[in-house]
Protein backbone atom coordinates (compact mmCIF):
# COMPACT_ATOMS: atom_id res chain seq x y z
CA MET A 1 -7.54 -12.90 -20.37
CA ALA A 2 -8.70 -15.63 -18.07
CA ASN A 3 -7.55 -15.58 -14.48
CA LYS A 4 -6.42 -11.81 -14.69
CA ILE A 5 -7.83 -9.01 -12.52
CA ALA A 6 -7.81 -5.36 -13.76
CA PHE A 7 -5.91 -3.23 -11.53
CA ASP A 8 -5.71 0.71 -11.21
CA LEU A 9 -3.62 2.52 -8.76
CA VAL A 10 -4.61 6.13 -8.39
CA SER A 11 -2.76 8.99 -6.47
CA PRO A 12 -4.17 12.33 -5.90
CA GLU A 13 -1.96 13.56 -8.79
CA LYS A 14 -2.56 10.90 -11.36
CA LEU A 15 -3.25 7.39 -12.43
CA LEU A 16 -0.06 5.62 -11.74
CA LEU A 17 -0.83 2.11 -13.09
CA SER A 18 -3.47 0.39 -15.01
CA ALA A 19 -2.85 -3.26 -15.70
CA GLN A 20 -4.13 -6.74 -16.16
CA ALA A 21 -2.38 -8.57 -13.13
CA ASP A 22 -2.35 -12.12 -11.98
CA MET A 23 -2.28 -10.99 -8.32
CA VAL A 24 -2.14 -7.90 -6.52
CA THR A 25 -0.89 -7.58 -2.70
CA VAL A 26 -2.27 -4.78 -0.75
CA PRO A 27 -1.58 -3.43 2.77
CA GLY A 28 -5.03 -3.70 4.31
CA THR A 29 -5.66 -2.24 7.73
CA GLU A 30 -6.07 -5.67 9.08
CA GLY A 31 -2.83 -7.07 7.25
CA TYR A 32 -1.64 -7.66 3.79
CA MET A 33 -4.09 -9.34 1.42
CA GLY A 34 -3.44 -11.01 -1.87
CA VAL A 35 -6.17 -10.34 -4.56
CA MET A 36 -6.89 -12.46 -7.74
CA ALA A 37 -9.56 -12.73 -10.21
CA GLY A 38 -12.78 -14.00 -8.64
CA HIS A 39 -12.16 -12.25 -5.31
CA ALA A 40 -15.24 -11.58 -3.15
CA PRO A 41 -16.36 -7.88 -3.34
CA ILE A 42 -14.86 -5.77 -0.46
CA VAL A 43 -14.12 -2.19 0.33
CA THR A 44 -11.16 -1.66 2.79
CA THR A 45 -9.02 1.01 4.14
CA LEU A 46 -5.22 0.68 3.54
CA ARG A 47 -2.34 1.52 5.82
CA ALA A 48 1.09 2.60 4.82
CA GLY A 49 3.02 -0.03 3.06
CA MET A 50 3.75 -1.77 -0.18
CA ILE A 51 1.61 -2.68 -3.13
CA ASP A 52 3.02 -5.68 -5.16
CA VAL A 53 1.58 -6.29 -8.75
CA ASN A 54 2.39 -9.53 -10.17
CA ALA A 55 1.65 -9.44 -13.96
CA ASP A 56 3.08 -11.41 -16.77
CA GLY A 57 6.04 -12.72 -14.59
CA ARG A 58 7.14 -9.41 -13.25
CA ASP A 59 6.55 -7.74 -10.02
CA ASP A 60 6.21 -4.12 -9.58
CA ARG A 61 6.14 -2.68 -6.19
CA TYR A 62 4.76 0.77 -4.98
CA PHE A 63 4.87 2.46 -1.56
CA ILE A 64 1.61 3.86 -0.49
CA ARG A 65 0.73 6.02 2.41
CA GLY A 66 -2.81 4.83 3.28
CA GLY A 67 -5.98 5.04 1.20
CA PHE A 68 -8.73 2.78 0.05
CA ALA A 69 -9.17 -0.21 -1.87
CA GLU A 70 -12.33 -1.29 -3.82
CA ILE A 71 -12.12 -5.03 -4.72
CA GLY A 72 -14.44 -6.98 -6.96
CA PRO A 73 -14.26 -10.29 -8.75
CA ALA A 74 -12.89 -8.69 -12.01
CA LYS A 75 -11.21 -5.41 -10.89
CA ILE A 76 -9.25 -3.87 -7.90
CA THR A 77 -9.04 -0.05 -7.56
CA VAL A 78 -6.71 1.50 -5.20
CA LEU A 79 -7.12 5.17 -4.15
CA ALA A 80 -3.99 6.02 -2.31
CA GLU A 81 -3.14 9.01 -0.14
CA GLU A 82 0.24 8.95 -1.77
CA ALA A 83 1.93 6.41 -4.04
CA VAL A 84 5.48 6.16 -5.39
CA PRO A 85 7.05 3.47 -7.43
CA MET A 86 9.68 1.68 -5.09
CA THR A 87 12.28 2.26 -7.67
CA GLU A 88 11.71 5.96 -7.11
CA LEU A 89 11.50 6.09 -3.39
CA ASP A 90 14.42 8.07 -1.79
CA LEU A 91 15.75 6.13 1.30
CA ALA A 92 16.78 9.46 3.02
CA VAL A 93 13.26 10.51 2.68
CA LEU A 94 11.82 7.17 4.04
CA ASP A 95 14.49 7.27 7.01
CA GLN A 96 13.13 10.87 7.93
CA ARG A 97 9.52 9.51 7.77
CA ILE A 98 10.39 6.68 10.18
CA LYS A 99 12.27 9.29 12.49
CA ASP A 100 9.20 11.64 12.39
CA ALA A 101 6.91 8.73 13.18
CA GLN A 102 8.84 7.76 16.12
CA GLU A 103 8.83 11.23 17.33
CA ASP A 104 5.13 11.30 16.95
CA GLU A 105 4.80 8.08 19.01
CA LEU A 106 6.84 9.52 21.81
CA ALA A 107 4.84 12.83 21.78
CA ALA A 108 1.41 11.15 21.47
CA GLU A 109 -1.09 12.44 24.12
CA ASN A 110 -3.38 9.38 24.23
CA ASP A 111 -3.16 5.75 23.72
CA ALA A 112 -4.99 5.84 20.35
CA ASP A 113 -2.56 8.25 18.91
CA ARG A 114 0.26 6.36 20.35
CA LEU A 115 -0.89 3.23 18.76
CA ARG A 116 -1.50 4.65 15.27
CA ALA A 117 2.08 6.21 15.40
CA ALA A 118 3.63 2.85 16.46
CA GLN A 119 1.67 1.09 13.71
CA LEU A 120 3.06 3.67 11.06
CA VAL A 121 6.57 3.37 12.43
CA ASP A 122 6.36 -0.55 12.03
CA ASP A 123 4.77 -0.22 8.51
CA LEU A 124 7.63 2.11 7.54
CA LYS A 125 10.27 -0.23 8.92
CA LEU A 126 8.80 -3.04 6.87
CA VAL A 127 8.94 -0.86 3.70
CA ARG A 128 12.44 -0.02 4.62
CA ALA A 129 13.49 -3.66 5.09
CA ALA A 130 12.26 -4.37 1.54
CA PHE A 131 15.10 -2.55 0.02
């Protein structure tokens, strides 16, 4: 299994995926990052977005709503606040989340809250555009 990295995606309810991947792309707080075998160790927070798991020539995508990633040379573990396979994501629910985030942005009482809400709107719109 040379050049593969072990990947576990865990939501509060269950282990969603455990696989040997060629590459995993995660939505880090500072931007998307690709992780392959041999990656430098890091722990990072995640924002809302998509995880793309490339394994054996197939891409599996999952929507996550934030969380943490622990990355090492041989394994990446994502602990997501919420995780849903993109194939099971309901567009009406996603559109409502975008609307709610836009309302939160307008109602924000300070710049920090407004910035967080605006970032969530942008992240959700990126996920919506992936359909």
